[in-house]
N, C-alpha and C. Protein backbone atom coordinates (compact mmCIF):
# COMPACT_ATOMS: atom_id res chain seq x y z
N MET A 1 -0.59 44.69 -1.88
CA MET A 1 -1.36 43.66 -1.23
C MET A 1 -0.44 42.48 -0.91
N ALA A 2 -0.47 42.03 0.32
CA ALA A 2 0.37 40.92 0.76
C ALA A 2 -0.15 39.62 0.18
N LYS A 3 0.77 38.76 -0.22
CA LYS A 3 0.41 37.45 -0.75
C LYS A 3 0.35 36.45 0.41
N LEU A 4 -0.76 35.74 0.56
CA LEU A 4 -0.92 34.76 1.63
C LEU A 4 -0.40 33.40 1.17
N ASP A 5 0.29 32.70 2.07
CA ASP A 5 0.72 31.34 1.77
C ASP A 5 -0.48 30.42 1.84
N LYS A 6 -0.60 29.56 0.85
CA LYS A 6 -1.68 28.58 0.84
C LYS A 6 -1.25 27.35 1.61
N GLU A 7 -2.19 26.78 2.34
CA GLU A 7 -1.93 25.50 3.00
C GLU A 7 -1.81 24.44 1.93
N LYS A 8 -0.93 23.48 2.13
CA LYS A 8 -0.67 22.48 1.11
C LYS A 8 -0.88 21.07 1.65
N LEU A 9 -1.43 20.23 0.79
CA LEU A 9 -1.58 18.82 1.09
C LEU A 9 -0.54 18.08 0.26
N THR A 10 0.27 17.28 0.92
CA THR A 10 1.26 16.47 0.23
C THR A 10 1.13 15.03 0.68
N VAL A 11 1.58 14.12 -0.15
CA VAL A 11 1.60 12.70 0.18
C VAL A 11 3.05 12.25 0.03
N ARG A 12 3.51 11.50 1.02
CA ARG A 12 4.87 10.97 1.00
C ARG A 12 4.88 9.59 1.65
N GLN A 13 6.00 8.90 1.49
CA GLN A 13 6.15 7.61 2.15
C GLN A 13 6.23 7.81 3.65
N ALA A 14 5.61 6.90 4.36
CA ALA A 14 5.70 6.92 5.83
C ALA A 14 7.10 6.50 6.25
N SER A 15 7.52 6.99 7.40
CA SER A 15 8.83 6.62 7.94
C SER A 15 8.67 6.16 9.39
N HIS A 16 9.71 5.55 9.89
CA HIS A 16 9.67 5.10 11.29
C HIS A 16 9.46 6.28 12.25
N GLN A 17 9.93 7.45 11.88
CA GLN A 17 9.75 8.63 12.72
C GLN A 17 8.28 9.04 12.82
N ASP A 18 7.45 8.63 11.87
CA ASP A 18 6.03 8.96 11.88
C ASP A 18 5.21 8.09 12.81
N ILE A 19 5.76 7.00 13.28
CA ILE A 19 4.99 6.00 14.03
C ILE A 19 4.22 6.57 15.22
N PRO A 20 4.81 7.37 16.10
CA PRO A 20 4.02 7.89 17.22
C PRO A 20 2.79 8.69 16.78
N VAL A 21 2.94 9.50 15.73
CA VAL A 21 1.81 10.28 15.23
C VAL A 21 0.76 9.36 14.60
N LEU A 22 1.21 8.32 13.90
CA LEU A 22 0.27 7.39 13.27
C LEU A 22 -0.50 6.59 14.31
N VAL A 23 0.14 6.22 15.41
CA VAL A 23 -0.57 5.54 16.49
C VAL A 23 -1.67 6.45 17.04
N GLU A 24 -1.34 7.71 17.29
CA GLU A 24 -2.34 8.67 17.80
C GLU A 24 -3.48 8.86 16.80
N LEU A 25 -3.16 8.99 15.53
CA LEU A 25 -4.19 9.16 14.50
C LEU A 25 -5.11 7.95 14.45
N ASN A 26 -4.53 6.75 14.46
CA ASN A 26 -5.35 5.54 14.43
C ASN A 26 -6.22 5.41 15.67
N GLN A 27 -5.71 5.77 16.84
CA GLN A 27 -6.51 5.71 18.06
C GLN A 27 -7.67 6.70 17.99
N LYS A 28 -7.44 7.85 17.40
CA LYS A 28 -8.49 8.86 17.26
C LYS A 28 -9.59 8.37 16.32
N ILE A 29 -9.20 7.78 15.20
CA ILE A 29 -10.18 7.38 14.18
C ILE A 29 -10.84 6.05 14.55
N TYR A 30 -10.07 5.11 15.08
CA TYR A 30 -10.57 3.78 15.43
C TYR A 30 -10.29 3.52 16.92
N PRO A 31 -11.02 4.12 17.83
CA PRO A 31 -10.68 4.02 19.25
C PRO A 31 -10.72 2.60 19.83
N HIS A 32 -11.44 1.69 19.20
CA HIS A 32 -11.54 0.34 19.76
C HIS A 32 -10.73 -0.69 18.99
N ASP A 33 -10.14 -0.28 17.87
CA ASP A 33 -9.44 -1.24 17.03
C ASP A 33 -8.38 -0.50 16.22
N PHE A 34 -7.22 -0.25 16.83
CA PHE A 34 -6.22 0.57 16.17
C PHE A 34 -4.88 -0.15 16.06
N TYR A 35 -4.05 0.38 15.18
CA TYR A 35 -2.71 -0.17 15.01
C TYR A 35 -1.82 0.13 16.20
N THR A 36 -0.97 -0.81 16.52
CA THR A 36 0.05 -0.59 17.54
C THR A 36 1.31 -0.07 16.85
N ALA A 37 2.22 0.47 17.63
CA ALA A 37 3.51 0.92 17.09
C ALA A 37 4.25 -0.25 16.44
N ASP A 38 4.16 -1.44 17.03
CA ASP A 38 4.84 -2.61 16.45
C ASP A 38 4.27 -2.97 15.09
N MET A 39 2.95 -2.89 14.94
CA MET A 39 2.34 -3.18 13.64
C MET A 39 2.83 -2.19 12.58
N LEU A 40 2.81 -0.92 12.92
CA LEU A 40 3.25 0.12 11.98
C LEU A 40 4.73 -0.05 11.65
N ARG A 41 5.53 -0.37 12.63
CA ARG A 41 6.96 -0.61 12.41
C ARG A 41 7.14 -1.78 11.44
N GLY A 42 6.35 -2.83 11.63
CA GLY A 42 6.42 -3.99 10.74
C GLY A 42 6.03 -3.63 9.32
N GLN A 43 4.96 -2.89 9.15
CA GLN A 43 4.50 -2.50 7.82
C GLN A 43 5.57 -1.69 7.09
N ILE A 44 6.14 -0.71 7.79
CA ILE A 44 7.15 0.15 7.17
C ILE A 44 8.43 -0.63 6.89
N SER A 45 8.79 -1.56 7.75
CA SER A 45 10.00 -2.35 7.54
C SER A 45 9.84 -3.35 6.40
N VAL A 46 8.68 -3.98 6.31
CA VAL A 46 8.45 -5.02 5.32
C VAL A 46 8.27 -4.45 3.91
N PHE A 47 7.54 -3.35 3.79
CA PHE A 47 7.23 -2.79 2.46
C PHE A 47 7.14 -1.27 2.56
N PRO A 48 8.28 -0.60 2.72
CA PRO A 48 8.26 0.86 2.89
C PRO A 48 7.63 1.60 1.71
N GLU A 49 7.77 1.05 0.51
CA GLU A 49 7.23 1.69 -0.68
C GLU A 49 5.71 1.72 -0.70
N GLY A 50 5.07 0.94 0.16
CA GLY A 50 3.62 0.84 0.15
C GLY A 50 2.93 1.52 1.32
N GLN A 51 3.68 2.30 2.10
CA GLN A 51 3.12 2.97 3.28
C GLN A 51 3.21 4.48 3.06
N PHE A 52 2.07 5.16 3.17
CA PHE A 52 2.02 6.58 2.85
C PHE A 52 1.36 7.39 3.96
N VAL A 53 1.75 8.65 4.03
CA VAL A 53 1.07 9.60 4.90
C VAL A 53 0.65 10.80 4.08
N ALA A 54 -0.48 11.39 4.46
CA ALA A 54 -0.93 12.66 3.89
C ALA A 54 -0.60 13.73 4.91
N VAL A 55 0.06 14.78 4.46
CA VAL A 55 0.50 15.87 5.34
C VAL A 55 -0.19 17.14 4.88
N TYR A 56 -0.92 17.76 5.80
CA TYR A 56 -1.62 19.01 5.50
C TYR A 56 -1.07 20.11 6.39
N ASP A 57 -0.53 21.11 5.77
CA ASP A 57 0.03 22.25 6.50
C ASP A 57 1.02 21.80 7.58
N GLY A 58 1.85 20.80 7.23
CA GLY A 58 2.89 20.33 8.14
C GLY A 58 2.47 19.28 9.14
N LYS A 59 1.20 18.87 9.14
CA LYS A 59 0.70 17.89 10.11
C LYS A 59 0.19 16.65 9.39
N ILE A 60 0.55 15.46 9.90
CA ILE A 60 0.05 14.22 9.32
C ILE A 60 -1.44 14.11 9.60
N VAL A 61 -2.23 14.00 8.53
CA VAL A 61 -3.68 13.92 8.65
C VAL A 61 -4.26 12.65 8.03
N GLY A 62 -3.40 11.82 7.45
CA GLY A 62 -3.89 10.59 6.84
C GLY A 62 -2.80 9.55 6.72
N HIS A 63 -3.24 8.31 6.57
CA HIS A 63 -2.32 7.18 6.51
C HIS A 63 -2.92 6.12 5.60
N CYS A 64 -2.10 5.53 4.77
CA CYS A 64 -2.51 4.44 3.88
C CYS A 64 -1.46 3.34 3.96
N ALA A 65 -1.90 2.11 4.18
CA ALA A 65 -0.99 0.97 4.28
C ALA A 65 -1.37 -0.07 3.23
N THR A 66 -0.36 -0.57 2.52
CA THR A 66 -0.58 -1.60 1.50
C THR A 66 0.52 -2.65 1.59
N PHE A 67 0.29 -3.75 0.91
CA PHE A 67 1.33 -4.76 0.71
C PHE A 67 0.97 -5.56 -0.53
N ILE A 68 1.91 -6.32 -1.03
CA ILE A 68 1.69 -7.13 -2.22
C ILE A 68 1.51 -8.57 -1.79
N ILE A 69 0.57 -9.25 -2.46
CA ILE A 69 0.30 -10.65 -2.11
C ILE A 69 -0.11 -11.41 -3.36
N GLY A 70 0.12 -12.69 -3.36
CA GLY A 70 -0.22 -13.53 -4.49
C GLY A 70 -1.72 -13.77 -4.59
N GLY A 71 -2.19 -13.97 -5.80
CA GLY A 71 -3.60 -14.24 -6.05
C GLY A 71 -4.08 -15.52 -5.41
N ASP A 72 -3.18 -16.50 -5.26
CA ASP A 72 -3.57 -17.75 -4.63
C ASP A 72 -4.05 -17.54 -3.20
N ILE A 73 -3.60 -16.46 -2.57
CA ILE A 73 -4.04 -16.13 -1.21
C ILE A 73 -5.12 -15.05 -1.24
N ALA A 74 -4.89 -14.01 -2.04
CA ALA A 74 -5.80 -12.86 -2.07
C ALA A 74 -7.21 -13.21 -2.54
N LEU A 75 -7.32 -14.15 -3.44
CA LEU A 75 -8.62 -14.46 -4.03
C LEU A 75 -9.39 -15.55 -3.29
N LYS A 76 -8.80 -16.09 -2.25
CA LYS A 76 -9.50 -17.08 -1.43
C LYS A 76 -10.15 -16.36 -0.25
N PRO A 77 -11.20 -16.94 0.32
CA PRO A 77 -11.81 -16.33 1.51
C PRO A 77 -10.76 -16.14 2.62
N HIS A 78 -10.82 -15.00 3.27
CA HIS A 78 -9.86 -14.70 4.32
C HIS A 78 -10.42 -13.60 5.22
N THR A 79 -9.85 -13.50 6.40
CA THR A 79 -10.15 -12.37 7.27
C THR A 79 -9.04 -11.35 7.09
N TRP A 80 -9.30 -10.15 7.57
CA TRP A 80 -8.28 -9.10 7.51
C TRP A 80 -7.04 -9.53 8.29
N LEU A 81 -7.24 -10.09 9.49
CA LEU A 81 -6.10 -10.52 10.30
C LEU A 81 -5.29 -11.60 9.61
N GLN A 82 -5.96 -12.52 8.94
CA GLN A 82 -5.25 -13.60 8.27
C GLN A 82 -4.39 -13.06 7.12
N ILE A 83 -5.00 -12.26 6.27
CA ILE A 83 -4.27 -11.85 5.06
C ILE A 83 -3.17 -10.84 5.36
N THR A 84 -3.34 -10.04 6.42
CA THR A 84 -2.33 -9.03 6.75
C THR A 84 -1.26 -9.53 7.69
N GLY A 85 -1.33 -10.78 8.08
CA GLY A 85 -0.35 -11.30 9.04
C GLY A 85 -0.50 -10.63 10.39
N GLY A 86 -1.75 -10.48 10.83
CA GLY A 86 -2.02 -9.86 12.12
C GLY A 86 -1.84 -8.35 12.15
N GLY A 87 -1.89 -7.72 10.97
CA GLY A 87 -1.73 -6.27 10.88
C GLY A 87 -0.30 -5.83 10.65
N PHE A 88 0.63 -6.76 10.51
CA PHE A 88 2.04 -6.44 10.35
C PHE A 88 2.49 -6.42 8.88
N ALA A 89 1.60 -6.79 7.95
CA ALA A 89 1.94 -6.92 6.53
C ALA A 89 3.02 -7.99 6.32
N SER A 90 3.07 -8.95 7.22
CA SER A 90 4.11 -9.97 7.17
C SER A 90 3.93 -10.97 6.04
N ARG A 91 2.78 -10.92 5.36
CA ARG A 91 2.57 -11.83 4.23
C ARG A 91 2.96 -11.16 2.91
N HIS A 92 3.60 -10.01 3.00
CA HIS A 92 4.04 -9.29 1.81
C HIS A 92 4.91 -10.18 0.94
N ASP A 93 4.64 -10.17 -0.37
CA ASP A 93 5.35 -11.01 -1.33
C ASP A 93 5.62 -10.20 -2.58
N LEU A 94 6.86 -9.79 -2.79
CA LEU A 94 7.21 -8.98 -3.96
C LEU A 94 6.87 -9.66 -5.28
N GLU A 95 6.76 -10.97 -5.26
CA GLU A 95 6.41 -11.72 -6.46
C GLU A 95 4.89 -11.82 -6.64
N GLY A 96 4.13 -11.26 -5.72
CA GLY A 96 2.68 -11.35 -5.76
C GLY A 96 2.07 -10.58 -6.92
N ASP A 97 0.78 -10.84 -7.14
CA ASP A 97 0.05 -10.25 -8.26
C ASP A 97 -0.83 -9.08 -7.86
N TYR A 98 -1.09 -8.90 -6.57
CA TYR A 98 -2.08 -7.93 -6.11
C TYR A 98 -1.51 -6.98 -5.07
N LEU A 99 -1.85 -5.71 -5.24
CA LEU A 99 -1.57 -4.72 -4.20
C LEU A 99 -2.79 -4.71 -3.29
N TYR A 100 -2.61 -5.07 -2.05
CA TYR A 100 -3.70 -5.18 -1.09
C TYR A 100 -3.73 -3.93 -0.22
N GLY A 101 -4.83 -3.22 -0.25
CA GLY A 101 -5.00 -2.02 0.59
C GLY A 101 -5.49 -2.45 1.97
N MET A 102 -4.61 -2.40 2.94
CA MET A 102 -4.98 -2.87 4.26
C MET A 102 -5.50 -1.78 5.18
N GLU A 103 -5.28 -0.51 4.83
CA GLU A 103 -5.73 0.56 5.72
C GLU A 103 -5.77 1.91 5.00
N VAL A 104 -6.79 2.66 5.29
CA VAL A 104 -6.86 4.08 4.95
C VAL A 104 -7.46 4.77 6.17
N CYS A 105 -6.76 5.75 6.68
CA CYS A 105 -7.17 6.43 7.91
C CYS A 105 -6.98 7.93 7.69
N ILE A 106 -8.05 8.70 7.83
CA ILE A 106 -7.99 10.14 7.56
C ILE A 106 -8.63 10.90 8.72
N ASP A 107 -7.90 11.90 9.21
CA ASP A 107 -8.42 12.76 10.28
C ASP A 107 -9.46 13.71 9.69
N SER A 108 -10.52 13.92 10.45
CA SER A 108 -11.57 14.83 9.96
C SER A 108 -11.08 16.26 9.92
């Protein structure tokens, strides 16, 4: 009896090479409000350790973006655009107290 290969789900850090696929995924999931390539490039450049992709059977099917921020900012009222620096994670602060989950995007 032949052994069938199982499809595998893996999670890894996002890379700059993933950006075109992540733009397409975000447009598919959020057609009216999606990340631009520049935003994704900023997130990966500012805090590469906090950007992840889920890969299923060789295809990117999910994306998670995070950054670190201080409690003095995170615990005050804010909008998503304000706290994320316009979606670029530009307010990332390695000395911060909180890991802020700015995005989770999963293909159906």
